[in-house]
Amino acid sequence: MASKRRKPIYYCICLMTFRSRLKWGDVMHIERSVPFWLERRLFSVYVILTFVFLFIPGLFLLGFLFAAIATVHYVVGQTEKQLKRDVALEWKHYEPLMFNQESTALRLQLFGLEALEKLGLKTTLRLHTDNGLIFPDMDPLHPHTYHAVIGSDEQIEIPIQAMRRGPAHFDELTLTIRLPWRMGVYLFTFDAFPHFTVLPSLTAQATPLLLHRLRIGDRADRYSPLKNKLVQLGAKPYTAEPSKEIDWYATAKTGRLQTKVFETSNQDTFSLALNLSGPSGYGLHTNFETFIDQTAFLASELIKEGCKVELFLNHLDTNNRMTHLKLQEGQPQLKQILLTLSTLSTRDTYIPTGQFERYVTRRKHRNSQLIQIGNDHIQAIG
């Protein structure tokens, strides 16, 4: 199960507390389904008929009948007002950011449960999600619909699972309250409920060989801080250092024996270039989602190693500009990369491969190692 996977150290980017009480002021609309004889417009008619028939000899029984109907009508109206006043829903402690295939539980608290129990009203809750979320405990044939009878517990836990990268939300939240003796049904539908952003999975069928190469410093540069944390800053006069630290170039230039001066470095720089076009350079690749997951995985692994990462996408934003996240490090950069990847859609605009590669070559950080992702390969270029 996704919930049992090892959670990375930066998993805290997804931990947020959200509290939103859905009161009747937030109701989109209230549907009141009652028998025709309980319609609101008939209450005044029942009152008038009660007084009319009570004073007609031989028809006073009809007066008592209309009085009883008017009383039931009044009680139903007062019940409706009490429901609007006392009952509310509150979502508590849910994570608006989820990883693909991750499972979690929504916590919902129902206020006014004592009033419902006192009135003897049966209450049910129905939720419906889009294709990005499912309810794993529900019917496998209808995993997007949650339906449950509200019991005596005010706290309700609803398991959900993310199934698709991108925005996900509930598109229906209905609380159904049934009056006794089939006197009517109230459907309270809300216009505010939780929304989620599903991030790419970080358990991609990734690139273990490439990651191993990056960690041991297999690259075209003269050094790699992932392998050797010492970077040469310059030279100084020789003072009995080991011969391997002698800087022969500086010695020849100055005419005096010089040794290397090092600085400890804990970072390296990488440029990730994600090309989602097909092998021909146009259209979208059939491995669209796989490449996105691999990019997310590589970015997370490099940032965990203390590297600086920049991201290029052959994707045009709303201003018709190439998507480029500039070189940064740490959790903020990782969160920005994951959020950017989660918004990609097959309906967006993507530029051809040739134009994208020229752009990356022109704009990438000059000292970073380029990693190209797409076209059925992941290639590290020094």
Protein backbone atom coordinates (compact mmCIF):
# COMPACT_ATOMS: atom_id res chain seq x y z
CA MET A 1 0.00 0.00 0.00
CA ALA A 2 1.12 3.55 -0.70
CA SER A 3 0.66 4.49 2.94
CA LYS A 4 3.33 1.96 3.97
CA ARG A 5 6.03 3.33 1.68
CA ARG A 6 9.03 5.00 3.23
CA LYS A 7 8.33 8.69 3.35
CA PRO A 8 11.29 10.90 2.30
CA ILE A 9 12.80 13.49 4.59
CA TYR A 10 11.20 16.36 2.68
CA TYR A 11 7.73 14.82 3.00
CA CYS A 12 6.81 17.70 5.30
CA ILE A 13 6.07 19.83 2.23
CA CYS A 14 2.75 17.99 2.04
CA LEU A 15 1.73 18.39 5.68
CA MET A 16 -0.80 21.15 6.07
CA THR A 17 -3.73 21.59 8.43
CA PHE A 18 -6.97 22.76 6.91
CA ARG A 19 -10.13 23.59 8.80
CA SER A 20 -13.25 24.63 6.96
CA ARG A 21 -16.69 24.60 8.48
CA LEU A 22 -19.46 24.24 5.93
CA LYS A 23 -22.38 26.05 7.50
CA TRP A 24 -25.77 26.55 6.01
CA GLY A 25 -24.67 29.99 4.86
CA ASP A 26 -22.35 28.19 2.45
CA VAL A 27 -25.14 26.02 1.03
CA MET A 28 -25.45 26.12 -2.72
CA HIS A 29 -29.10 25.17 -2.55
CA ILE A 30 -31.54 23.22 -0.40
CA GLU A 31 -33.90 20.78 -2.03
CA ARG A 32 -37.00 20.06 0.03
CA SER A 33 -38.92 17.03 -1.15
CA VAL A 34 -42.22 16.66 0.77
CA PRO A 35 -45.72 15.39 -0.04
CA PHE A 36 -47.88 17.94 -1.84
CA TRP A 37 -50.05 18.49 1.25
CA LEU A 38 -46.98 19.77 3.18
CA GLU A 39 -46.06 22.46 0.69
CA ARG A 40 -45.37 25.82 2.32
CA ARG A 41 -48.02 27.72 0.38
CA LEU A 42 -50.78 25.50 1.81
CA PHE A 43 -50.16 26.33 5.49
CA SER A 44 -52.34 29.45 5.46
CA VAL A 45 -55.07 27.49 3.66
CA TYR A 46 -55.12 24.85 6.42
CA VAL A 47 -55.37 27.52 9.11
CA ILE A 48 -58.31 29.21 7.37
CA LEU A 49 -60.12 25.92 6.76
CA THR A 50 -59.61 24.94 10.40
CA PHE A 51 -61.48 28.02 11.67
CA VAL A 52 -64.14 27.72 8.95
CA PHE A 53 -65.09 24.08 9.60
CA LEU A 54 -64.85 24.32 13.39
CA PHE A 55 -67.87 26.64 13.44
CA ILE A 56 -69.98 24.76 10.88
CA PRO A 57 -72.36 22.30 12.58
CA GLY A 58 -71.68 18.71 11.56
CA LEU A 59 -68.31 19.54 9.92
CA PHE A 60 -66.26 20.24 13.03
CA LEU A 61 -64.40 16.93 12.50
CA LEU A 62 -63.00 18.33 9.27
CA GLY A 63 -61.89 21.33 11.27
CA PHE A 64 -59.95 19.08 13.65
CA LEU A 65 -58.42 17.25 10.63
CA PHE A 66 -57.20 20.49 9.07
CA ALA A 67 -55.93 21.61 12.49
CA ALA A 68 -53.87 18.40 12.75
CA ILE A 69 -52.47 18.91 9.24
CA ALA A 70 -51.60 22.52 10.07
CA THR A 71 -49.84 21.36 13.25
CA VAL A 72 -47.76 18.81 11.31
CA HIS A 73 -46.98 21.51 8.76
CA TYR A 74 -45.81 23.85 11.53
CA VAL A 75 -43.64 21.17 13.18
CA VAL A 76 -41.98 20.35 9.85
CA GLY A 77 -41.24 24.04 9.29
CA GLN A 78 -39.73 24.44 12.77
CA THR A 79 -37.62 21.30 12.21
CA GLU A 80 -36.25 22.78 9.02
CA LYS A 81 -35.30 26.00 10.81
CA GLN A 82 -33.56 24.03 13.57
CA LEU A 83 -31.57 22.02 11.05
CA LYS A 84 -30.40 25.18 9.35
CA ARG A 85 -29.40 26.69 12.68
CA ASP A 86 -27.69 23.76 14.42
CA VAL A 87 -26.20 21.43 11.80
CA ALA A 88 -22.80 22.10 10.21
CA LEU A 89 -19.89 20.15 8.72
CA GLU A 90 -16.20 20.69 9.33
CA TRP A 91 -13.26 19.14 7.46
CA LYS A 92 -10.28 18.75 9.75
CA HIS A 93 -6.58 18.02 9.26
CA TYR A 94 -6.36 16.92 5.66
CA GLU A 95 -3.39 17.25 3.33
CA PRO A 96 -4.12 19.32 0.21
CA LEU A 97 -0.93 17.95 -1.39
CA MET A 98 -0.74 14.23 -2.11
CA PHE A 99 1.57 11.99 -4.10
CA ASN A 100 0.18 9.82 -6.87
CA GLN A 101 -1.04 6.44 -5.54
CA GLU A 102 -0.87 7.71 -1.95
CA SER A 103 -3.64 6.86 0.52
CA THR A 104 -4.88 9.04 3.34
CA ALA A 105 -8.02 9.65 5.39
CA LEU A 106 -10.28 12.68 5.45
CA ARG A 107 -11.70 13.61 8.83
CA LEU A 108 -15.13 15.15 8.95
CA GLN A 109 -17.00 16.36 12.02
CA LEU A 110 -20.78 16.71 12.01
CA PHE A 111 -22.16 19.35 14.35
CA GLY A 112 -25.76 19.14 15.53
CA LEU A 113 -25.78 15.36 15.79
CA GLU A 114 -27.54 15.56 19.16
CA ALA A 115 -30.39 17.51 17.59
CA LEU A 116 -30.70 14.93 14.80
CA GLU A 117 -30.80 12.06 17.29
CA LYS A 118 -33.34 13.87 19.47
CA LEU A 119 -35.59 14.42 16.48
CA GLY A 120 -35.08 10.82 15.34
CA LEU A 121 -33.96 11.83 11.86
CA LYS A 122 -32.00 9.44 9.64
CA THR A 123 -29.00 11.17 8.05
CA THR A 124 -26.80 9.96 5.22
CA LEU A 125 -23.70 11.45 3.61
CA ARG A 126 -22.86 11.14 -0.08
CA LEU A 127 -19.65 12.30 -1.76
CA HIS A 128 -18.50 12.01 -5.34
CA THR A 129 -15.00 12.67 -6.69
CA ASP A 130 -13.50 13.19 -10.11
CA ASN A 131 -11.18 10.64 -11.69
CA GLY A 132 -8.18 11.81 -9.66
CA LEU A 133 -9.43 10.30 -6.38
CA ILE A 134 -11.19 7.12 -5.34
CA PHE A 135 -12.69 5.70 -2.14
CA PRO A 136 -10.85 2.36 -1.77
CA ASP A 137 -13.33 0.99 0.79
CA MET A 138 -16.34 1.47 -1.45
CA ASP A 139 -17.76 -0.75 -4.19
CA PRO A 140 -14.99 -1.50 -6.75
CA LEU A 141 -17.53 -0.88 -9.51
CA HIS A 142 -18.25 2.61 -8.16
CA PRO A 143 -15.02 3.69 -6.43
CA HIS A 144 -15.66 7.40 -6.98
CA THR A 145 -18.81 7.49 -4.81
CA TYR A 146 -18.90 7.42 -1.01
CA HIS A 147 -22.21 6.71 0.74
CA ALA A 148 -22.66 6.12 4.46
CA VAL A 149 -25.31 6.43 7.15
CA ILE A 150 -24.33 8.85 9.90
CA GLY A 151 -24.23 7.01 13.24
CA SER A 152 -23.70 8.25 16.77
CA ASP A 153 -20.08 9.26 16.19
CA GLU A 154 -19.52 12.92 15.29
CA GLN A 155 -16.07 12.16 13.86
CA ILE A 156 -16.18 10.50 10.43
CA GLU A 157 -13.05 9.15 8.70
CA ILE A 158 -13.23 8.74 4.94
CA PRO A 159 -10.31 6.85 3.27
CA ILE A 160 -9.28 8.21 -0.12
CA GLN A 161 -6.52 7.36 -2.60
CA ALA A 162 -4.95 9.49 -5.32
CA MET A 163 -5.01 7.81 -8.72
CA ARG A 164 -3.92 10.52 -11.16
CA ARG A 165 -1.39 13.35 -11.19
CA GLY A 166 -2.85 16.84 -11.28
CA PRO A 167 -5.70 18.72 -9.59
CA ALA A 168 -8.36 16.59 -7.91
CA HIS A 169 -11.48 17.51 -6.01
CA PHE A 170 -14.93 16.53 -4.87
CA ASP A 171 -17.68 17.53 -7.25
CA GLU A 172 -20.57 16.58 -4.97
CA LEU A 173 -21.15 16.75 -1.22
CA THR A 174 -24.72 16.02 -0.14
CA LEU A 175 -26.18 15.57 3.32
CA THR A 176 -29.57 13.82 3.19
CA ILE A 177 -31.94 14.14 6.16
CA ARG A 178 -35.15 12.11 6.10
CA LEU A 179 -38.21 13.08 8.12
CA PRO A 180 -40.11 10.30 9.91
CA TRP A 181 -43.28 8.69 8.50
CA ARG A 182 -42.25 9.60 4.94
CA MET A 183 -43.07 13.23 5.53
CA GLY A 184 -40.18 14.47 3.41
CA VAL A 185 -36.49 14.54 2.57
CA TYR A 186 -34.04 17.44 2.81
CA LEU A 187 -30.99 17.49 0.52
CA PHE A 188 -28.33 19.93 1.65
CA THR A 189 -25.73 20.47 -1.08
CA PHE A 190 -22.57 22.47 -0.35
CA ASP A 191 -20.48 24.59 -2.66
CA ALA A 192 -17.25 24.36 -0.63
CA PHE A 193 -15.29 21.16 -0.07
CA PRO A 194 -11.67 19.95 -0.13
CA HIS A 195 -9.51 20.32 -3.22
CA PHE A 196 -6.22 18.50 -3.75
CA THR A 197 -3.10 18.72 -5.86
CA VAL A 198 -1.72 15.28 -6.70
CA LEU A 199 2.05 15.40 -7.20
CA PRO A 200 4.02 12.98 -9.39
CA SER A 201 5.05 9.74 -7.74
CA LEU A 202 8.58 9.66 -6.32
CA THR A 203 8.86 5.90 -6.70
CA ALA A 204 9.35 5.98 -10.46
CA GLN A 205 10.83 2.99 -12.25
CA ALA A 206 13.68 5.27 -12.15
CA THR A 207 17.16 5.24 -13.36
CA PRO A 208 19.29 3.44 -10.78
CA LEU A 209 22.34 3.22 -13.04
CA LEU A 210 22.22 6.94 -13.82
CA LEU A 211 21.75 7.82 -10.15
CA HIS A 212 24.73 5.63 -9.25
CA ARG A 213 26.83 7.42 -11.85
CA LEU A 214 25.77 10.82 -10.55
CA ARG A 215 26.56 9.87 -6.97
CA ILE A 216 30.07 8.61 -7.75
CA GLY A 217 30.79 11.56 -9.99
CA ASP A 218 30.89 9.92 -13.44
CA ARG A 219 30.85 13.08 -15.56
CA ALA A 220 32.93 14.93 -18.11
CA ASP A 221 33.93 17.76 -15.75
CA ARG A 222 37.39 17.87 -14.13
CA TYR A 223 35.89 17.27 -10.68
CA SER A 224 32.61 16.38 -9.08
CA PRO A 225 31.76 17.44 -5.54
CA LEU A 226 29.58 14.35 -5.30
CA LYS A 227 32.80 12.35 -5.45
CA ASN A 228 35.41 14.74 -4.10
CA LYS A 229 34.24 17.53 -1.82
CA LEU A 230 37.42 19.59 -2.42
CA VAL A 231 37.43 22.28 -5.10
CA GLN A 232 40.62 24.11 -6.03
CA LEU A 233 40.52 27.85 -5.43
CA GLY A 234 44.08 28.78 -6.39
CA ALA A 235 47.70 28.28 -5.39
CA LYS A 236 50.09 29.27 -2.59
CA PRO A 237 53.85 28.93 -1.96
CA TYR A 238 55.00 25.40 -1.26
CA THR A 239 55.37 24.47 2.44
CA ALA A 240 56.16 20.75 2.54
CA GLU A 241 52.77 19.57 1.21
CA PRO A 242 52.50 16.14 -0.49
CA SER A 243 53.79 16.09 -4.03
CA LYS A 244 50.36 15.29 -5.46
CA GLU A 245 49.14 18.71 -4.25
CA ILE A 246 51.80 20.64 -6.16
CA ASP A 247 50.29 22.97 -8.77
CA TRP A 248 52.77 22.59 -11.63
CA TYR A 249 50.97 25.09 -13.82
CA ALA A 250 51.24 27.82 -11.17
CA THR A 251 54.85 26.77 -10.47
CA ALA A 252 55.81 27.21 -14.13
CA LYS A 253 53.98 30.52 -14.31
CA THR A 254 55.57 32.05 -11.18
CA GLY A 255 58.95 30.32 -11.25
CA ARG A 256 58.46 29.23 -7.64
CA LEU A 257 57.10 25.98 -6.27
CA GLN A 258 53.34 26.34 -5.65
CA THR A 259 50.75 24.07 -4.04
CA LYS A 260 46.99 23.89 -4.57
CA VAL A 261 44.54 25.68 -2.29
CA PHE A 262 41.22 23.86 -1.83
CA GLU A 263 37.78 24.82 -0.60
CA THR A 264 35.22 22.36 0.71
CA SER A 265 32.13 22.24 -1.49
CA ASN A 266 28.88 20.46 -0.64
CA GLN A 267 26.93 21.25 -3.77
CA ASP A 268 26.81 20.41 -7.41
CA THR A 269 24.61 21.87 -10.13
CA PHE A 270 22.35 20.01 -12.56
CA SER A 271 20.07 21.11 -15.38
CA LEU A 272 17.08 18.79 -15.98
CA ALA A 273 15.64 19.13 -19.48
CA LEU A 274 12.28 17.35 -19.79
CA ASN A 275 11.20 16.87 -23.40
CA LEU A 276 7.64 15.52 -23.63
CA SER A 277 7.49 15.53 -27.43
CA GLY A 278 7.34 12.30 -29.41
CA PRO A 279 10.34 10.63 -31.09
CA SER A 280 9.68 12.61 -34.27
CA GLY A 281 10.05 15.84 -32.33
CA TYR A 282 6.37 16.78 -32.60
CA GLY A 283 3.22 15.73 -30.77
CA LEU A 284 3.30 14.12 -27.34
CA HIS A 285 5.16 10.99 -26.32
CA THR A 286 3.29 7.86 -25.27
CA ASN A 287 5.45 7.78 -22.11
CA PHE A 288 4.19 11.23 -21.08
CA GLU A 289 3.46 10.28 -17.47
CA THR A 290 6.55 8.07 -17.09
CA PHE A 291 8.91 10.89 -18.06
CA ILE A 292 7.21 13.26 -15.59
CA ASP A 293 7.60 10.71 -12.77
CA GLN A 294 11.25 10.14 -13.66
CA THR A 295 11.93 13.88 -13.63
CA ALA A 296 10.31 14.23 -10.20
CA PHE A 297 12.34 11.29 -8.88
CA LEU A 298 15.66 12.61 -10.22
CA ALA A 299 15.00 16.10 -8.86
CA SER A 300 14.16 14.74 -5.41
CA GLU A 301 17.26 12.52 -5.29
CA LEU A 302 19.62 15.29 -6.41
CA ILE A 303 18.18 17.82 -3.97
CA LYS A 304 18.46 15.28 -1.16
CA GLU A 305 22.17 15.03 -2.04
CA GLY A 306 22.49 18.81 -1.49
CA CYS A 307 22.68 19.71 -5.18
CA LYS A 308 21.31 22.76 -6.94
CA VAL A 309 18.82 21.95 -9.69
CA GLU A 310 17.17 23.88 -12.51
CA LEU A 311 14.34 22.54 -14.66
CA PHE A 312 13.55 23.13 -18.34
CA LEU A 313 10.27 21.96 -19.90
CA ASN A 314 9.33 22.11 -23.57
CA HIS A 315 6.05 23.56 -22.33
CA LEU A 316 4.67 27.04 -22.98
CA ASP A 317 3.06 28.86 -20.06
CA THR A 318 0.09 31.25 -20.22
CA ASN A 319 2.43 34.00 -21.47
CA ASN A 320 3.76 31.76 -24.28
CA ARG A 321 7.13 31.50 -22.57
CA MET A 322 9.22 28.41 -22.07
CA THR A 323 8.81 26.89 -18.62
CA HIS A 324 12.10 27.31 -16.78
CA LEU A 325 12.64 27.02 -13.03
CA LYS A 326 15.93 28.73 -12.31
CA LEU A 327 18.76 27.17 -10.34
CA GLN A 328 17.87 26.77 -6.64
CA GLU A 329 18.35 24.26 -3.86
CA GLY A 330 16.48 22.71 -0.94
CA GLN A 331 12.85 21.93 -0.19
CA PRO A 332 11.37 25.13 -1.70
CA GLN A 333 12.89 24.25 -5.07
CA LEU A 334 11.69 20.65 -4.84
CA LYS A 335 8.17 21.76 -3.96
CA GLN A 336 8.14 24.21 -6.88
CA ILE A 337 9.33 21.49 -9.28
CA LEU A 338 6.70 19.01 -8.09
CA LEU A 339 3.90 21.59 -8.29
CA THR A 340 4.98 22.58 -11.81
CA LEU A 341 5.05 18.95 -12.95
CA SER A 342 1.63 18.32 -11.39
CA THR A 343 0.00 21.01 -13.55
CA LEU A 344 1.16 19.59 -16.91
CA SER A 345 -1.66 18.46 -19.18
CA THR A 346 -1.85 16.86 -22.60
CA ARG A 347 -4.00 19.82 -23.64
CA ASP A 348 -1.16 22.30 -23.08
CA THR A 349 1.14 23.67 -25.76
CA TYR A 350 4.56 22.06 -26.26
CA ILE A 351 7.35 23.17 -28.59
CA PRO A 352 9.28 20.86 -30.97
CA THR A 353 12.40 19.04 -29.83
CA GLY A 354 14.91 20.96 -31.96
CA GLN A 355 13.76 24.37 -30.79
CA PHE A 356 13.70 23.17 -27.18
CA GLU A 357 17.25 21.77 -27.28
CA ARG A 358 18.60 25.03 -28.72
CA TYR A 359 16.85 26.97 -25.97
CA VAL A 360 18.28 24.73 -23.23
CA THR A 361 21.81 24.96 -24.64
CA ARG A 362 21.52 28.73 -24.73
CA ARG A 363 19.99 29.27 -21.27
CA LYS A 364 21.33 26.51 -19.01
CA HIS A 365 23.80 27.29 -16.25
CA ARG A 366 27.21 27.06 -17.87
CA ASN A 367 28.77 24.99 -15.09
CA SER A 368 25.89 22.56 -14.57
CA GLN A 369 25.59 19.03 -15.85
CA LEU A 370 22.74 18.61 -18.32
CA ILE A 371 20.40 15.64 -17.90
CA GLN A 372 18.05 15.14 -20.85
CA ILE A 373 14.81 13.26 -20.15
CA GLY A 374 12.54 12.15 -22.97
CA ASN A 375 12.49 10.35 -26.31
CA ASP A 376 12.82 6.98 -24.56
CA HIS A 377 16.09 7.79 -22.85
CA ILE A 378 17.67 9.64 -19.96
CA GLN A 379 21.06 10.94 -20.84
CA ALA A 380 23.59 12.76 -18.69
CA ILE A 381 25.77 15.18 -20.61
CA GLY A 382 28.75 16.87 -18.96
